[in-house]
C-alpha atoms as a PDB file:
ATOM      1  CA  MET A   1    -117.156  62.708-178.396  1.00  0.00           C
ATOM      2  CA  ILE A   2    -117.733  65.999-176.841  1.00  0.00           C
ATOM      3  CA  ASN A   3    -118.033  66.071-173.323  1.00  0.00           C
ATOM      4  CA  LEU A   4    -117.013  68.312-170.345  1.00  0.00           C
ATOM      5  CA  GLU A   5    -114.963  65.405-169.431  1.00  0.00           C
ATOM      6  CA  THR A   6    -113.043  66.326-172.735  1.00  0.00           C
ATOM      7  CA  ILE A   7    -112.952  69.777-173.036  1.00  0.00           C
ATOM      8  CA  LYS A   8    -111.120  70.346-169.484  1.00  0.00           C
ATOM      9  CA  ALA A   9    -108.835  67.597-170.038  1.00  0.00           C
ATOM     10  CA  MET A  10    -107.932  69.066-173.321  1.00  0.00           C
ATOM     11  CA  THR A  11    -107.980  72.137-172.015  1.00  0.00           C
ATOM     12  CA  LEU A  12    -105.514  71.403-168.950  1.00  0.00           C
ATOM     13  CA  GLY A  13    -103.485  68.739-171.005  1.00  0.00           C
ATOM     14  CA  ILE A  14    -102.307  71.653-173.250  1.00  0.00           C
ATOM     15  CA  ALA A  15    -102.022  74.082-170.022  1.00  0.00           C
ATOM     16  CA  VAL A  16     -99.931  71.443-168.168  1.00  0.00           C
ATOM     17  CA  ALA A  17     -97.576  70.900-170.798  1.00  0.00           C
ATOM     18  CA  ASP A  18     -97.080  74.016-171.907  1.00  0.00           C
ATOM     19  CA  ALA A  19     -96.049  74.275-168.076  1.00  0.00           C
ATOM     20  CA  MET A  20     -93.924  71.559-168.109  1.00  0.00           C
ATOM     21  CA  GLY A  21     -91.939  73.145-170.896  1.00  0.00           C
ATOM     22  CA  VAL A  22     -91.447  76.721-169.895  1.00  0.00           C
ATOM     23  CA  PRO A  23     -88.708  76.855-167.206  1.00  0.00           C
ATOM     24  CA  VAL A  24     -86.313  74.884-169.881  1.00  0.00           C
ATOM     25  CA  GLU A  25     -87.435  76.319-173.279  1.00  0.00           C
ATOM     26  CA  PHE A  26     -84.673  77.007-175.646  1.00  0.00           C
ATOM     27  CA  LYS A  27     -82.658  74.432-173.782  1.00  0.00           C
ATOM     28  CA  ASN A  28     -80.795  71.782-176.237  1.00  0.00           C
ATOM     29  CA  ARG A  29     -81.733  68.099-176.527  1.00  0.00           C
ATOM     30  CA  GLU A  30     -78.027  67.393-174.804  1.00  0.00           C
ATOM     31  CA  SER A  31     -78.179  69.182-171.649  1.00  0.00           C
ATOM     32  CA  LEU A  32     -81.571  67.934-170.925  1.00  0.00           C
ATOM     33  CA  ARG A  33     -80.012  64.656-171.600  1.00  0.00           C
ATOM     34  CA  ARG A  34     -77.344  65.403-168.705  1.00  0.00           C
ATOM     35  CA  GLN A  35     -80.209  66.539-166.354  1.00  0.00           C
ATOM     36  CA  PRO A  36     -83.618  65.506-167.654  1.00  0.00           C
ATOM     37  CA  ILE A  37     -86.981  66.668-166.729  1.00  0.00           C
ATOM     38  CA  LYS A  38     -88.581  64.575-164.424  1.00  0.00           C
ATOM     39  CA  ASP A  39     -91.210  67.078-162.415  1.00  0.00           C
ATOM     40  CA  MET A  40     -92.544  70.473-163.089  1.00  0.00           C
ATOM     41  CA  LEU A  41     -90.145  73.355-162.325  1.00  0.00           C
ATOM     42  CA  GLY A  42     -90.212  77.065-161.513  1.00  0.00           C
ATOM     43  CA  PHE A  43     -87.898  79.824-162.877  1.00  0.00           C
ATOM     44  CA  GLY A  44     -85.530  78.829-165.409  1.00  0.00           C
ATOM     45  CA  THR A  45     -85.493  80.249-168.872  1.00  0.00           C
ATOM     46  CA  TRP A  46     -88.597  82.833-168.377  1.00  0.00           C
ATOM     47  CA  ASN A  47     -87.471  83.162-164.577  1.00  0.00           C
ATOM     48  CA  GLN A  48     -91.494  82.531-163.867  1.00  0.00           C
ATOM     49  CA  PRO A  49     -92.712  80.766-160.888  1.00  0.00           C
ATOM     50  CA  ALA A  50     -93.317  76.745-161.496  1.00  0.00           C
ATOM     51  CA  GLY A  51     -96.940  75.697-163.067  1.00  0.00           C
ATOM     52  CA  THR A  52     -96.766  78.854-164.885  1.00  0.00           C
ATOM     53  CA  TRP A  53     -97.832  78.351-168.994  1.00  0.00           C
ATOM     54  CA  SER A  54     -96.940  80.338-171.886  1.00  0.00           C
ATOM     55  CA  ASP A  55     -98.555  82.204-175.220  1.00  0.00           C
ATOM     56  CA  ASP A  56     -99.533  78.542-176.386  1.00  0.00           C
ATOM     57  CA  THR A  57    -102.127  78.360-174.123  1.00  0.00           C
ATOM     58  CA  SER A  58    -102.967  81.650-173.638  1.00  0.00           C
ATOM     59  CA  MET A  59    -103.630  82.102-177.237  1.00  0.00           C
ATOM     60  CA  THR A  60    -105.837  78.613-177.008  1.00  0.00           C
ATOM     61  CA  VAL A  61    -107.811  80.006-174.030  1.00  0.00           C
ATOM     62  CA  ALA A  62    -108.454  83.187-175.698  1.00  0.00           C
ATOM     63  CA  THR A  63    -109.812  81.741-179.023  1.00  0.00           C
ATOM     64  CA  MET A  64    -112.232  79.325-176.195  1.00  0.00           C
ATOM     65  CA  GLU A  65    -113.282  82.874-175.032  1.00  0.00           C
ATOM     66  CA  SER A  66    -114.281  84.289-178.048  1.00  0.00           C
ATOM     67  CA  ILE A  67    -115.992  81.002-179.529  1.00  0.00           C
ATOM     68  CA  ALA A  68    -117.819  80.803-175.992  1.00  0.00           C
ATOM     69  CA  ARG A  69    -119.138  84.140-175.840  1.00  0.00           C
ATOM     70  CA  LEU A  70    -120.416  84.914-179.921  1.00  0.00           C
ATOM     71  CA  LYS A  71    -121.143  81.044-179.481  1.00  0.00           C
ATOM     72  CA  ARG A  72    -119.460  80.975-183.306  1.00  0.00           C
ATOM     73  CA  ILE A  73    -116.070  82.420-185.087  1.00  0.00           C
ATOM     74  CA  ASP A  74    -115.254  85.821-185.426  1.00  0.00           C
ATOM     75  CA  TYR A  75    -112.152  86.464-186.831  1.00  0.00           C
ATOM     76  CA  THR A  76    -111.910  89.973-185.870  1.00  0.00           C
ATOM     77  CA  ASP A  77    -113.100  89.099-182.227  1.00  0.00           C
ATOM     78  CA  LEU A  78    -110.046  86.834-182.333  1.00  0.00           C
ATOM     79  CA  MET A  79    -107.794  88.978-183.343  1.00  0.00           C
ATOM     80  CA  LEU A  80    -109.275  91.879-180.302  1.00  0.00           C
ATOM     81  CA  ASN A  81    -108.774  88.921-178.040  1.00  0.00           C
ATOM     82  CA  PHE A  82    -105.147  88.153-179.119  1.00  0.00           C
ATOM     83  CA  SER A  83    -104.126  92.067-178.653  1.00  0.00           C
ATOM     84  CA  GLU A  84    -106.038  92.133-175.177  1.00  0.00           C
ATOM     85  CA  TRP A  85    -103.338  89.152-174.176  1.00  0.00           C
ATOM     86  CA  TYR A  86    -100.473  90.558-175.708  1.00  0.00           C
ATOM     87  CA  PHE A  87    -100.999  94.278-174.150  1.00  0.00           C
ATOM     88  CA  GLU A  88    -103.014  93.738-171.168  1.00  0.00           C
ATOM     89  CA  GLY A  89    -101.914  90.672-170.506  1.00  0.00           C
ATOM     90  CA  LYS A  90    -105.377  88.656-170.217  1.00  0.00           C
ATOM     91  CA  PHE A  91    -105.716  85.224-170.671  1.00  0.00           C
ATOM     92  CA  THR A  92    -102.671  84.746-168.702  1.00  0.00           C
ATOM     93  CA  ALA A  93    -101.410  82.653-165.771  1.00  0.00           C
ATOM     94  CA  ARG A  94    -100.460  85.502-163.513  1.00  0.00           C
ATOM     95  CA  GLY A  95    -101.570  88.191-165.094  1.00  0.00           C
ATOM     96  CA  VAL A  96     -98.596  89.101-167.297  1.00  0.00           C
ATOM     97  CA  ARG A  97     -97.598  88.332-170.775  1.00  0.00           C
ATOM     98  CA  PHE A  98     -94.082  86.925-170.769  1.00  0.00           C
ATOM     99  CA  ASP A  99     -93.507  85.004-174.564  1.00  0.00           C
ATOM    100  CA  CYS A 100     -95.075  85.595-177.922  1.00  0.00           C
ATOM    101  CA  GLY A 101     -93.481  84.859-181.370  1.00  0.00           C
ATOM    102  CA  ARG A 102     -92.218  87.191-183.983  1.00  0.00           C
ATOM    103  CA  ILE A 103     -94.687  86.784-186.368  1.00  0.00           C
ATOM    104  CA  THR A 104     -97.894  86.574-184.149  1.00  0.00           C
ATOM    105  CA  SER A 105     -97.016  89.806-182.701  1.00  0.00           C
ATOM    106  CA  LEU A 106     -96.373  91.318-186.267  1.00  0.00           C
ATOM    107  CA  ALA A 107     -99.766  90.562-186.882  1.00  0.00           C
ATOM    108  CA  ILE A 108    -101.210  92.013-184.119  1.00  0.00           C
ATOM    109  CA  PHE A 109     -99.606  95.191-184.660  1.00  0.00           C
ATOM    110  CA  LYS A 110    -101.202  95.382-187.945  1.00  0.00           C
ATOM    111  CA  PHE A 111    -104.319  94.652-186.477  1.00  0.00           C
ATOM    112  CA  ILE A 112    -103.717  97.709-184.375  1.00  0.00           C
ATOM    113  CA  GLN A 113    -103.345  99.597-187.309  1.00  0.00           C
ATOM    114  CA  LYS A 114    -106.466  98.947-188.369  1.00  0.00           C
ATOM    115  CA  VAL A 115    -105.618  96.356-191.057  1.00  0.00           C
ATOM    116  CA  PRO A 116    -108.240  93.618-191.522  1.00  0.00           C
ATOM    117  CA  ALA A 117    -108.032  90.392-189.714  1.00  0.00           C
ATOM    118  CA  LEU A 118    -107.999  88.510-192.359  1.00  0.00           C
ATOM    119  CA  ASN A 119    -105.134  89.943-193.595  1.00  0.00           C
ATOM    120  CA  CYS A 120    -102.717  90.343-190.846  1.00  0.00           C
ATOM    121  CA  GLY A 121    -101.050  87.214-191.392  1.00  0.00           C
ATOM    122  CA  SER A 122     -97.786  86.619-193.140  1.00  0.00           C
ATOM    123  CA  GLU A 123     -97.771  84.844-196.600  1.00  0.00           C
ATOM    124  CA  GLU A 124     -93.600  84.861-196.665  1.00  0.00           C
ATOM    125  CA  SER A 125     -92.310  81.516-196.696  1.00  0.00           C
ATOM    126  CA  TYR A 126     -90.175  82.713-193.673  1.00  0.00           C
ATOM    127  CA  ALA A 127     -93.026  82.988-191.580  1.00  0.00           C
ATOM    128  CA  ASN A 128     -93.417  79.359-190.708  1.00  0.00           C
ATOM    129  CA  GLY A 129     -93.839  79.287-186.969  1.00  0.00           C
ATOM    130  CA  ASN A 130     -95.891  77.053-184.927  1.00  0.00           C
ATOM    131  CA  GLY A 131     -97.904  80.112-183.612  1.00  0.00           C
ATOM    132  CA  SER A 132    -101.290  79.323-185.317  1.00  0.00           C
ATOM    133  CA  LEU A 133    -100.895  75.383-184.617  1.00  0.00           C
ATOM    134  CA  MET A 134    -100.407  75.868-181.112  1.00  0.00           C
ATOM    135  CA  ARG A 135    -103.504  77.374-180.584  1.00  0.00           C
ATOM    136  CA  ILE A 136    -105.844  75.906-182.923  1.00  0.00           C
ATOM    137  CA  LEU A 137    -107.457  73.042-181.130  1.00  0.00           C
ATOM    138  CA  PRO A 138    -110.478  74.832-179.673  1.00  0.00           C
ATOM    139  CA  ALA A 139    -111.570  75.828-183.075  1.00  0.00           C
ATOM    140  CA  VAL A 140    -111.309  71.847-184.361  1.00  0.00           C
ATOM    141  CA  ILE A 141    -113.370  70.959-181.392  1.00  0.00           C
ATOM    142  CA  TYR A 142    -116.057  73.785-182.605  1.00  0.00           C
ATOM    143  CA  LEU A 143    -116.070  72.701-186.067  1.00  0.00           C
ATOM    144  CA  TYR A 144    -116.167  69.148-184.740  1.00  0.00           C
ATOM    145  CA  LYS A 145    -119.434  70.102-182.939  1.00  0.00           C
ATOM    146  CA  ILE A 146    -121.004  71.493-186.209  1.00  0.00           C
ATOM    147  CA  TYR A 147    -120.012  68.581-188.740  1.00  0.00           C
ATOM    148  CA  GLY A 148    -119.115  65.660-186.857  1.00  0.00           C
ATOM    149  CA  LYS A 149    -116.978  63.079-189.062  1.00  0.00           C
ATOM    150  CA  ASN A 150    -117.899  65.172-191.912  1.00  0.00           C
ATOM    151  CA  PHE A 151    -115.289  67.248-191.391  1.00  0.00           C
ATOM    152  CA  ASP A 152    -114.572  68.541-194.645  1.00  0.00           C
ATOM    153  CA  GLU A 153    -113.694  71.258-196.839  1.00  0.00           C
ATOM    154  CA  ARG A 154    -115.851  73.497-195.340  1.00  0.00           C
ATOM    155  CA  ALA A 155    -114.127  73.057-191.629  1.00  0.00           C
ATOM    156  CA  LEU A 156    -110.603  73.011-193.335  1.00  0.00           C
ATOM    157  CA  LYS A 157    -111.271  76.157-194.863  1.00  0.00           C
ATOM    158  CA  VAL A 158    -112.038  78.389-191.367  1.00  0.00           C
ATOM    159  CA  ILE A 159    -109.172  76.187-189.853  1.00  0.00           C
ATOM    160  CA  HIS A 160    -107.138  77.690-192.929  1.00  0.00           C
ATOM    161  CA  GLU A 161    -107.978  80.700-192.102  1.00  0.00           C
ATOM    162  CA  ILE A 162    -107.996  80.575-188.220  1.00  0.00           C
ATOM    163  CA  SER A 163    -104.320  79.983-189.104  1.00  0.00           C
ATOM    164  CA  SER A 164    -104.127  83.110-191.493  1.00  0.00           C
ATOM    165  CA  LEU A 165    -104.575  85.623-188.520  1.00  0.00           C
ATOM    166  CA  THR A 166    -101.354  85.444-187.716  1.00  0.00           C
ATOM    167  CA  HIS A 167     -99.547  82.738-190.333  1.00  0.00           C
ATOM    168  CA  ALA A 168    -101.088  83.022-193.805  1.00  0.00           C
ATOM    169  CA  HIS A 169     -98.552  80.773-195.434  1.00  0.00           C
ATOM    170  CA  ALA A 170     -99.788  77.693-197.166  1.00  0.00           C
ATOM    171  CA  ARG A 171     -97.512  75.997-194.931  1.00  0.00           C
ATOM    172  CA  SER A 172     -98.572  76.527-191.818  1.00  0.00           C
ATOM    173  CA  MET A 173    -102.596  76.246-193.152  1.00  0.00           C
ATOM    174  CA  LEU A 174    -101.460  72.906-193.913  1.00  0.00           C
ATOM    175  CA  GLY A 175     -99.922  72.122-190.699  1.00  0.00           C
ATOM    176  CA  CYS A 176    -103.002  72.932-188.726  1.00  0.00           C
ATOM    177  CA  GLY A 177    -105.156  71.208-191.234  1.00  0.00           C
ATOM    178  CA  ILE A 178    -103.253  68.146-190.714  1.00  0.00           C
ATOM    179  CA  TYR A 179    -103.655  68.273-186.947  1.00  0.00           C
ATOM    180  CA  SER A 180    -107.528  69.501-187.150  1.00  0.00           C
ATOM    181  CA  LEU A 181    -107.888  65.848-189.320  1.00  0.00           C
ATOM    182  CA  ILE A 182    -105.828  63.644-186.334  1.00  0.00           C
ATOM    183  CA  ALA A 183    -107.406  65.598-183.753  1.00  0.00           C
ATOM    184  CA  VAL A 184    -111.084  64.424-185.097  1.00  0.00           C
ATOM    185  CA  GLN A 185    -110.134  61.013-184.780  1.00  0.00           C
ATOM    186  CA  LEU A 186    -109.288  61.362-181.614  1.00  0.00           C
ATOM    187  CA  LEU A 187    -112.745  62.971-180.767  1.00  0.00           C
ATOM    188  CA  GLU A 188    -114.451  59.893-182.658  1.00  0.00           C
ATOM    189  CA  GLY A 189    -112.832  57.382-179.789  1.00  0.00           C
ATOM    190  CA  ASN A 190    -109.970  56.312-181.660  1.00  0.00           C
ATOM    191  CA  SER A 191    -106.665  55.543-180.712  1.00  0.00           C
ATOM    192  CA  ILE A 192    -104.068  57.286-181.159  1.00  0.00           C
ATOM    193  CA  SER A 193    -102.280  55.298-183.548  1.00  0.00           C
ATOM    194  CA  GLU A 194    -105.419  54.967-185.418  1.00  0.00           C
ATOM    195  CA  SER A 195    -105.944  58.717-185.490  1.00  0.00           C
ATOM    196  CA  VAL A 196    -103.203  59.594-186.492  1.00  0.00           C
ATOM    197  CA  LYS A 197    -103.286  56.837-189.412  1.00  0.00           C
ATOM    198  CA  ILE A 198    -106.956  57.610-190.498  1.00  0.00           C
ATOM    199  CA  GLY A 199    -106.282  61.508-190.092  1.00  0.00           C
ATOM    200  CA  LEU A 200    -103.163  60.911-192.292  1.00  0.00           C
ATOM    201  CA  SER A 201    -105.091  59.522-195.105  1.00  0.00           C
ATOM    202  CA  LYS A 202    -107.587  62.263-194.977  1.00  0.00           C
ATOM    203  CA  ALA A 203    -104.943  64.882-195.106  1.00  0.00           C
ATOM    204  CA  LYS A 204    -103.067  63.285-198.387  1.00  0.00           C
ATOM    205  CA  ASN A 205    -106.435  62.491-200.117  1.00  0.00           C
ATOM    206  CA  PHE A 206    -107.763  66.183-199.368  1.00  0.00           C
ATOM    207  CA  TYR A 207    -104.664  68.338-199.999  1.00  0.00           C
ATOM    208  CA  GLY A 208    -103.500  65.956-202.968  1.00  0.00           C
ATOM    209  CA  ASN A 209    -105.995  67.106-204.887  1.00  0.00           C
ATOM    210  CA  SER A 210    -105.589  70.512-203.954  1.00  0.00           C
ATOM    211  CA  LYS A 211    -103.770  73.936-203.964  1.00  0.00           C
ATOM    212  CA  PHE A 212    -101.832  72.514-200.979  1.00  0.00           C
ATOM    213  CA  GLU A 213    -100.533  69.471-203.056  1.00  0.00           C
ATOM    214  CA  LYS A 214     -97.338  70.919-203.411  1.00  0.00           C
ATOM    215  CA  LYS A 215     -96.815  72.151-200.057  1.00  0.00           C
ATOM    216  CA  LEU A 216     -97.513  68.719-198.219  1.00  0.00           C
ATOM    217  CA  GLU A 217     -94.219  67.331-199.383  1.00  0.00           C
ATOM    218  CA  ASN A 218     -93.072  69.783-196.637  1.00  0.00           C
ATOM    219  CA  TYR A 219     -94.827  66.963-194.574  1.00  0.00           C
ATOM    220  CA  SER A 220     -93.784  63.868-196.457  1.00  0.00           C
ATOM    221  CA  ARG A 221     -92.116  61.935-193.694  1.00  0.00           C
ATOM    222  CA  LEU A 222     -95.874  61.790-191.735  1.00  0.00           C
ATOM    223  CA  TRP A 223     -96.195  59.464-194.432  1.00  0.00           C
ATOM    224  CA  GLN A 224     -93.272  57.241-193.994  1.00  0.00           C
ATOM    225  CA  ASP A 225     -94.450  53.615-192.771  1.00  0.00           C
ATOM    226  CA  ASP A 226     -91.478  53.981-190.322  1.00  0.00           C
ATOM    227  CA  PHE A 227     -92.069  57.050-189.046  1.00  0.00           C
ATOM    228  CA  ALA A 228     -92.763  56.329-185.531  1.00  0.00           C
ATOM    229  CA  ASP A 229     -89.611  54.536-185.475  1.00  0.00           C
ATOM    230  CA  LEU A 230     -87.399  57.111-186.163  1.00  0.00           C
ATOM    231  CA  LEU A 231     -84.498  57.241-183.959  1.00  0.00           C
ATOM    232  CA  GLU A 232     -84.883  60.556-181.721  1.00  0.00           C
ATOM    233  CA  GLU A 233     -82.338  61.929-183.323  1.00  0.00           C
ATOM    234  CA  GLU A 234     -84.174  62.328-186.620  1.00  0.00           C
ATOM    235  CA  ILE A 235     -86.643  64.316-185.127  1.00  0.00           C
ATOM    236  CA  LYS A 236     -86.072  67.798-184.787  1.00  0.00           C
ATOM    237  CA  SER A 237     -88.169  69.904-182.224  1.00  0.00           C
ATOM    238  CA  SER A 238     -87.398  73.688-182.809  1.00  0.00           C
ATOM    239  CA  GLY A 239     -90.620  76.151-183.584  1.00  0.00           C
ATOM    240  CA  TYR A 240     -90.752  75.576-187.193  1.00  0.00           C
ATOM    241  CA  VAL A 241     -94.210  74.636-187.834  1.00  0.00           C
ATOM    242  CA  VAL A 242     -93.378  71.102-189.627  1.00  0.00           C
ATOM    243  CA  ASP A 243     -90.853  70.379-187.002  1.00  0.00           C
ATOM    244  CA  THR A 244     -93.245  70.713-183.841  1.00  0.00           C
ATOM    245  CA  LEU A 245     -96.109  68.743-185.743  1.00  0.00           C
ATOM    246  CA  GLU A 246     -93.789  65.933-186.454  1.00  0.00           C
ATOM    247  CA  ALA A 247     -92.108  66.116-182.625  1.00  0.00           C
ATOM    248  CA  ALA A 248     -95.455  66.017-181.423  1.00  0.00           C
ATOM    249  CA  LEU A 249     -97.075  63.274-183.088  1.00  0.00           C
ATOM    250  CA  TRP A 250     -93.840  61.238-182.653  1.00  0.00           C
ATOM    251  CA  CYS A 251     -93.746  61.601-178.901  1.00  0.00           C
ATOM    252  CA  LEU A 252     -97.744  60.716-179.419  1.00  0.00           C
ATOM    253  CA  LEU A 253     -97.018  57.613-181.342  1.00  0.00           C
ATOM    254  CA  ASN A 254     -94.053  56.475-179.010  1.00  0.00           C
ATOM    255  CA  THR A 255     -95.894  56.678-175.515  1.00  0.00           C
ATOM    256  CA  ASP A 256     -98.510  55.775-173.997  1.00  0.00           C
ATOM    257  CA  ASN A 257     -99.728  57.737-170.934  1.00  0.00           C
ATOM    258  CA  TYR A 258    -100.090  61.562-170.768  1.00  0.00           C
ATOM    259  CA  LYS A 259     -97.159  61.984-168.337  1.00  0.00           C
ATOM    260  CA  SER A 260     -94.425  60.106-170.353  1.00  0.00           C
ATOM    261  CA  MET A 261     -95.552  62.053-173.677  1.00  0.00           C
ATOM    262  CA  VAL A 262     -94.840  65.236-171.502  1.00  0.00           C
ATOM    263  CA  LEU A 263     -91.897  64.096-170.516  1.00  0.00           C
ATOM    264  CA  LYS A 264     -90.464  62.516-173.959  1.00  0.00           C
ATOM    265  CA  ALA A 265     -91.533  66.157-175.463  1.00  0.00           C
ATOM    266  CA  VAL A 266     -89.816  68.540-172.991  1.00  0.00           C
ATOM    267  CA  ASN A 267     -86.918  66.476-172.693  1.00  0.00           C
ATOM    268  CA  LEU A 268     -86.291  66.613-176.729  1.00  0.00           C
ATOM    269  CA  GLY A 269     -85.069  70.674-175.632  1.00  0.00           C
ATOM    270  CA  GLU A 270     -85.718  73.873-177.818  1.00  0.00           C
ATOM    271  CA  ASP A 271     -89.092  74.970-178.295  1.00  0.00           C
ATOM    272  CA  THR A 272     -89.957  72.717-175.030  1.00  0.00           C
ATOM    273  CA  ASP A 273     -93.363  74.208-174.395  1.00  0.00           C
ATOM    274  CA  THR A 274     -95.106  74.064-177.788  1.00  0.00           C
ATOM    275  CA  VAL A 275     -94.322  71.004-178.756  1.00  0.00           C
ATOM    276  CA  ALA A 276     -95.466  69.742-175.480  1.00  0.00           C
ATOM    277  CA  SER A 277     -98.726  71.598-175.469  1.00  0.00           C
ATOM    278  CA  VAL A 278     -99.248  70.627-179.061  1.00  0.00           C
ATOM    279  CA  ALA A 279     -99.357  67.128-178.129  1.00  0.00           C
ATOM    280  CA  GLY A 280    -100.498  67.611-174.740  1.00  0.00           C
ATOM    281  CA  GLY A 281    -104.089  68.488-176.195  1.00  0.00           C
ATOM    282  CA  LEU A 282    -104.489  65.322-178.009  1.00  0.00           C
ATOM    283  CA  ALA A 283    -102.999  63.267-174.997  1.00  0.00           C
ATOM    284  CA  GLY A 284    -105.414  65.198-172.988  1.00  0.00           C
ATOM    285  CA  ILE A 285    -108.388  64.477-174.953  1.00  0.00           C
ATOM    286  CA  TYR A 286    -106.979  60.470-175.524  1.00  0.00           C
ATOM    287  CA  TYR A 287    -106.193  59.968-171.784  1.00  0.00           C
ATOM    288  CA  GLY A 288    -108.345  62.016-169.980  1.00  0.00           C
ATOM    289  CA  ILE A 289    -107.834  64.343-166.656  1.00  0.00           C
ATOM    290  CA  GLU A 290    -107.195  61.468-164.440  1.00  0.00           C
ATOM    291  CA  GLU A 291    -103.739  60.714-166.825  1.00  0.00           C
ATOM    292  CA  ILE A 292    -102.297  63.924-165.744  1.00  0.00           C
ATOM    293  CA  PRO A 293    -100.342  63.605-162.378  1.00  0.00           C
ATOM    294  CA  GLN A 294    -101.764  65.377-159.729  1.00  0.00           C
ATOM    295  CA  ASN A 295     -99.107  66.832-158.015  1.00  0.00           C
ATOM    296  CA  TRP A 296     -98.799  68.626-161.819  1.00  0.00           C
ATOM    297  CA  LEU A 297    -102.127  69.798-161.794  1.00  0.00           C
ATOM    298  CA  LYS A 298    -101.976  70.934-158.464  1.00  0.00           C
ATOM    299  CA  THR A 299     -98.906  73.222-159.316  1.00  0.00           C
ATOM    300  CA  LEU A 300    -100.217  74.643-162.788  1.00  0.00           C
ATOM    301  CA  GLN A 301    -101.262  78.187-162.101  1.00  0.00           C
ATOM    302  CA  ASN A 302    -104.504  79.725-162.455  1.00  0.00           C
ATOM    303  CA  ARG A 303    -106.464  76.244-162.801  1.00  0.00           C
ATOM    304  CA  LEU A 304    -109.386  77.206-161.901  1.00  0.00           C
ATOM    305  CA  TYR A 305    -109.666  79.725-164.254  1.00  0.00           C
ATOM    306  CA  LEU A 306    -108.572  77.381-167.171  1.00  0.00           C
ATOM    307  CA  GLU A 307    -111.152  74.951-165.858  1.00  0.00           C
ATOM    308  CA  GLU A 308    -113.840  77.903-166.019  1.00  0.00           C
ATOM    309  CA  MET A 309    -112.886  78.914-169.294  1.00  0.00           C
ATOM    310  CA  ALA A 310    -113.545  74.866-170.399  1.00  0.00           C
ATOM    311  CA  GLU A 311    -117.018  74.715-168.911  1.00  0.00           C
ATOM    312  CA  ASN A 312    -117.888  78.136-170.509  1.00  0.00           C
ATOM    313  CA  PHE A 313    -116.956  76.458-174.062  1.00  0.00           C
ATOM    314  CA  PHE A 314    -118.425  73.556-173.309  1.00  0.00           C
ATOM    315  CA  TYR A 315    -121.813  74.624-172.476  1.00  0.00           C
ATOM    316  CA  ALA A 316    -121.420  77.060-175.486  1.00  0.00           C
ATOM    317  CA  LEU A 317    -121.148  74.000-177.658  1.00  0.00           C
ATOM    318  CA  GLU A 318    -124.410  72.850-176.228  1.00  0.00           C
ATOM    319  CA  VAL A 319    -126.230  75.560-177.995  1.00  0.00           C
ATOM    320  CA  VAL A 320    -124.423  75.875-181.182  1.00  0.00           C
END
């Protein structure tokens, strides 16, 4: 179900988790085991004040703003927003962009050189970071408003194209699609475990009979019966899209509240902000704002702006 609280919880769920991970991004797991993150910190890796969110939230908000303003998905407008974020610091926590993945920046530079939006993303196998996965959730919600539980190949085609604005390899598009199908189940009111189970089943049915069939092998661990029981040592938390999706889902399946989920994700190390925010958006939808620690919300930079963007997005959906 989509209501204003759900949209706010998704937005703040992403931003808080993102901000939790920013100060320790790139730290290895061993160092975080010695000094685990227990609260929202400042400075560290990016030398930003506590509560500062990064590109994960900024590109999510940029996507929300475009959809809300136009009341539709427009690929060129999305890239214009991404460009304004990159060059002008729009959609940021403090008016400054301080982080951007290499593949995303390459796509933005192509766009400002007049390359059509859908031709900007890289199709190379090395270009499979998590830069499209981290910003896909607003598009999922918009498409869910249109298609509801009949979230099928029509919706997934759009998800793939939105990924391809920056990440056009089949593996990245597939990751966004799998994540989307799980998110839809949460919006339908299912539990996290049921949402993962049903979403993965739908993904296998759809992608197993499509041009993505061979690429599905990259995500094969997700369909293992014991995936949730994998040891932490078996979970990678890098910026590789497969690792990020696995880590995010593993954290969701192995916790029962927003706070413990975020702490588990951040303390995995490496790409702390993105793993946490990818999981945080889904956790926000499921647990709601009331489960996000108040002291974290109070520390969050530019929170009122995020809530305003969430409200604009919700009211735009009302007339779609």
